[in-house]
Amino acid sequence: MSLLRYLAPIAALALAISGCAGPPNRNAVLDTLNPAPMSPQAWSRVVGTYNGPIRATTIRYGFEAQAAMETRLDISGTPDAPLIIFKTNSGYSTSWSQYDERRATYTNIPSERYGSQGTVTASTHAPNQMLITLRRDTTLTHKGIWMILTFTGDGKVDVDWIGHSGWRGNGELWRVPNLAASQ
């Protein structure tokens, strides 16, 4: 009986750390993506800066949590080696905190890494999609946030947000006009 008393909290802690949406559930999303990279012509239309909101929710331990994020996404590089800077200002409410805010910057550009909170892994998928994985700690490979970006061609990006611990959401990003080019 005393052994069960000690194992139950350890099992509960392991469940809390692993989250509700483990790698097998999240990996099913990869089946919807085309393995071929985006074409150079399509890539030339998506390079730029995008802003917009993303909203996400989750239900854990019977409590619903909500997050609203204002984001900025800078895309450059090539279809085979995209260069990404992703910045977010998020406000969220969970069962652990009534309201909290967090600012974060993620990048895969070495010269921009100073002061960032995490890394980005990005891959393009034909004809018009990109998979971005955001990670705060590179030792926990299944704890990252996945974003599937679908470029619609009219300066808009549809975002499907898949986070750890059951977070799921969506949003829209819009291309910021290049004011220097229009002068």
Protein backbone atom coordinates (compact mmCIF):
# COMPACT_ATOMS: atom_id res chain seq x y z
CA MET A 1 0.00 0.00 0.00
CA SER A 2 2.77 2.45 0.81
CA LEU A 3 4.45 1.78 -2.54
CA LEU A 4 1.21 2.69 -4.35
CA ARG A 5 1.07 5.91 -2.35
CA TYR A 6 4.48 6.88 -3.72
CA LEU A 7 3.93 5.73 -7.31
CA ALA A 8 0.60 7.53 -7.85
CA PRO A 9 2.08 11.07 -7.58
CA ILE A 10 4.99 10.06 -9.83
CA ALA A 11 2.57 8.73 -12.46
CA ALA A 12 0.49 11.93 -12.24
CA LEU A 13 3.62 14.04 -12.65
CA ALA A 14 4.73 12.00 -15.68
CA LEU A 15 1.31 12.51 -17.27
CA ALA A 16 1.46 16.25 -16.61
CA ILE A 17 4.94 16.54 -18.11
CA SER A 18 4.15 14.51 -21.21
CA GLY A 19 0.92 16.43 -21.86
CA CYS A 20 -2.33 15.27 -23.40
CA ALA A 21 -1.32 15.48 -27.04
CA GLY A 22 1.74 13.30 -27.28
CA PRO A 23 3.92 12.79 -30.35
CA PRO A 24 1.75 10.05 -31.94
CA ASN A 25 -1.30 12.35 -32.02
CA ARG A 26 0.66 15.33 -33.30
CA ASN A 27 2.59 13.30 -35.87
CA ALA A 28 -0.68 12.49 -37.64
CA VAL A 29 -0.63 16.10 -38.87
CA LEU A 30 2.49 15.37 -40.93
CA ASP A 31 0.50 12.92 -43.04
CA THR A 32 -1.45 15.84 -44.52
CA LEU A 33 1.67 17.63 -45.78
CA ASN A 34 3.24 17.02 -49.18
CA PRO A 35 6.89 15.89 -48.74
CA ALA A 36 8.04 17.87 -51.83
CA PRO A 37 9.41 21.37 -51.16
CA MET A 38 7.71 24.54 -52.33
CA SER A 39 8.70 25.64 -55.85
CA PRO A 40 11.00 28.69 -56.28
CA GLN A 41 8.14 30.55 -58.01
CA ALA A 42 5.77 29.96 -55.09
CA TRP A 43 8.55 30.81 -52.63
CA SER A 44 9.16 34.19 -54.27
CA ARG A 45 5.52 35.10 -53.52
CA VAL A 46 5.70 34.21 -49.79
CA VAL A 47 8.97 35.88 -48.76
CA GLY A 48 8.24 38.90 -46.58
CA THR A 49 6.87 40.04 -43.23
CA TYR A 50 3.47 39.03 -41.84
CA ASN A 51 1.48 40.22 -38.80
CA GLY A 52 -1.72 38.97 -37.23
CA PRO A 53 -3.50 37.21 -34.37
CA ILE A 54 -3.53 33.53 -33.42
CA ARG A 55 -5.97 32.14 -30.88
CA ALA A 56 -5.60 28.76 -29.16
CA THR A 57 -7.44 26.73 -26.50
CA THR A 58 -6.93 23.52 -24.57
CA ILE A 59 -8.76 21.48 -21.95
CA ARG A 60 -6.57 19.90 -19.27
CA TYR A 61 -7.66 18.43 -15.96
CA GLY A 62 -11.21 19.63 -16.61
CA PHE A 63 -10.18 23.28 -17.07
CA GLU A 64 -10.23 25.21 -20.32
CA ALA A 65 -7.26 27.45 -21.07
CA GLN A 66 -7.18 30.20 -23.68
CA ALA A 67 -4.39 32.15 -25.36
CA ALA A 68 -4.39 35.10 -27.72
CA MET A 69 -1.15 35.91 -29.53
CA GLU A 70 -0.18 38.89 -31.65
CA THR A 71 2.58 37.67 -33.94
CA ARG A 72 5.17 38.91 -36.41
CA LEU A 73 6.71 36.46 -38.87
CA ASP A 74 9.70 37.36 -41.08
CA ILE A 75 10.44 34.90 -43.90
CA SER A 76 13.54 34.99 -46.10
CA GLY A 77 16.11 32.55 -47.49
CA THR A 78 15.33 29.81 -50.01
CA PRO A 79 12.66 27.06 -50.15
CA ASP A 80 15.28 24.48 -49.14
CA ALA A 81 16.70 26.62 -46.31
CA PRO A 82 14.08 29.09 -45.05
CA LEU A 83 15.27 31.78 -42.65
CA ILE A 84 12.65 32.63 -40.04
CA ILE A 85 12.21 35.16 -37.23
CA PHE A 86 8.99 34.61 -35.26
CA LYS A 87 7.98 37.07 -32.52
CA THR A 88 4.93 36.75 -30.33
CA ASN A 89 3.19 38.75 -27.62
CA SER A 90 0.75 36.41 -25.90
CA GLY A 91 -1.79 36.74 -23.16
CA TYR A 92 -3.17 33.55 -21.71
CA SER A 93 -5.34 32.20 -18.93
CA THR A 94 -4.94 28.67 -17.57
CA SER A 95 -5.95 26.63 -14.55
CA TRP A 96 -2.57 27.56 -13.04
CA SER A 97 -2.76 31.33 -13.61
CA GLN A 98 -5.73 33.62 -14.00
CA TYR A 99 -3.95 35.80 -16.55
CA ASP A 100 -0.35 36.01 -17.70
CA GLU A 101 1.61 37.52 -20.56
CA ARG A 102 4.69 36.33 -22.38
CA ARG A 103 6.90 37.78 -25.09
CA ALA A 104 9.06 35.43 -27.10
CA THR A 105 11.35 35.48 -30.12
CA TYR A 106 12.31 32.34 -32.04
CA THR A 107 14.76 32.19 -34.93
CA ASN A 108 16.98 29.91 -36.96
CA ILE A 109 19.27 32.75 -38.09
CA PRO A 110 22.56 32.53 -36.14
CA SER A 111 23.22 36.29 -36.22
CA GLU A 112 19.76 36.93 -34.68
CA ARG A 113 20.00 34.33 -31.88
CA TYR A 114 21.21 36.73 -29.16
CA GLY A 115 18.27 37.51 -26.88
CA SER A 116 15.91 34.98 -28.45
CA GLN A 117 14.06 32.44 -26.33
CA GLY A 118 14.13 29.52 -28.71
CA THR A 119 14.83 28.04 -32.08
CA VAL A 120 12.80 27.53 -35.25
CA THR A 121 12.84 24.51 -37.53
CA ALA A 122 11.15 25.28 -40.84
CA SER A 123 10.42 23.22 -43.94
CA THR A 124 8.42 24.12 -47.04
CA HIS A 125 5.85 21.80 -48.56
CA ALA A 126 4.41 21.94 -52.07
CA PRO A 127 2.45 23.68 -53.33
CA ASN A 128 1.94 26.46 -50.75
CA GLN A 129 2.59 25.29 -47.17
CA MET A 130 5.30 25.60 -44.54
CA LEU A 131 5.75 23.63 -41.31
CA ILE A 132 7.37 25.62 -38.50
CA THR A 133 8.38 24.07 -35.18
CA LEU A 134 9.14 26.41 -32.27
CA ARG A 135 11.23 25.04 -29.40
CA ARG A 136 12.26 26.71 -26.17
CA ASP A 137 14.43 23.80 -25.05
CA THR A 138 16.05 21.69 -27.74
CA THR A 139 16.47 18.70 -25.41
CA LEU A 140 12.69 18.09 -25.31
CA THR A 141 11.93 17.22 -28.92
CA HIS A 142 8.20 16.55 -28.41
CA LYS A 143 7.50 19.75 -26.45
CA GLY A 144 7.66 22.18 -29.35
CA ILE A 145 4.85 24.13 -30.94
CA TRP A 146 3.96 23.33 -34.54
CA MET A 147 2.47 25.81 -36.97
CA ILE A 148 1.24 24.84 -40.41
CA LEU A 149 1.20 27.94 -42.59
CA THR A 150 -0.92 27.86 -45.74
CA PHE A 151 -0.23 30.76 -48.08
CA THR A 152 -3.42 31.71 -49.92
CA GLY A 153 -1.77 33.90 -52.58
CA ASP A 154 -3.54 37.16 -51.70
CA GLY A 155 -1.09 38.23 -48.97
CA LYS A 156 -2.86 36.13 -46.33
CA VAL A 157 -1.57 33.13 -44.40
CA ASP A 158 -3.89 30.66 -42.66
CA VAL A 159 -2.25 29.31 -39.49
CA ASP A 160 -3.02 25.99 -37.82
CA TRP A 161 -1.43 26.04 -34.34
CA ILE A 162 -0.65 22.71 -32.64
CA GLY A 163 0.94 23.04 -29.23
CA HIS A 164 2.03 20.61 -26.58
CA SER A 165 -0.40 19.56 -23.83
CA GLY A 166 -3.42 19.70 -26.12
CA TRP A 167 -3.18 23.34 -27.25
CA ARG A 168 -4.89 23.79 -30.61
CA GLY A 169 -5.78 26.97 -32.45
CA ASN A 170 -5.82 28.94 -35.65
CA GLY A 171 -5.34 32.42 -36.96
CA GLU A 172 -4.56 34.61 -39.93
CA LEU A 173 -1.45 36.56 -40.76
CA TRP A 174 -1.36 39.32 -43.35
CA ARG A 175 1.60 40.50 -45.40
CA VAL A 176 3.02 43.88 -44.36
CA PRO A 177 3.42 46.08 -47.45
CA ASN A 178 6.97 47.02 -48.39
CA LEU A 179 6.71 50.81 -48.15
CA ALA A 180 10.27 51.39 -49.41
CA ALA A 181 9.52 49.57 -52.67
CA SER A 182 6.38 51.61 -53.35
CA GLN A 183 8.15 55.00 -53.27
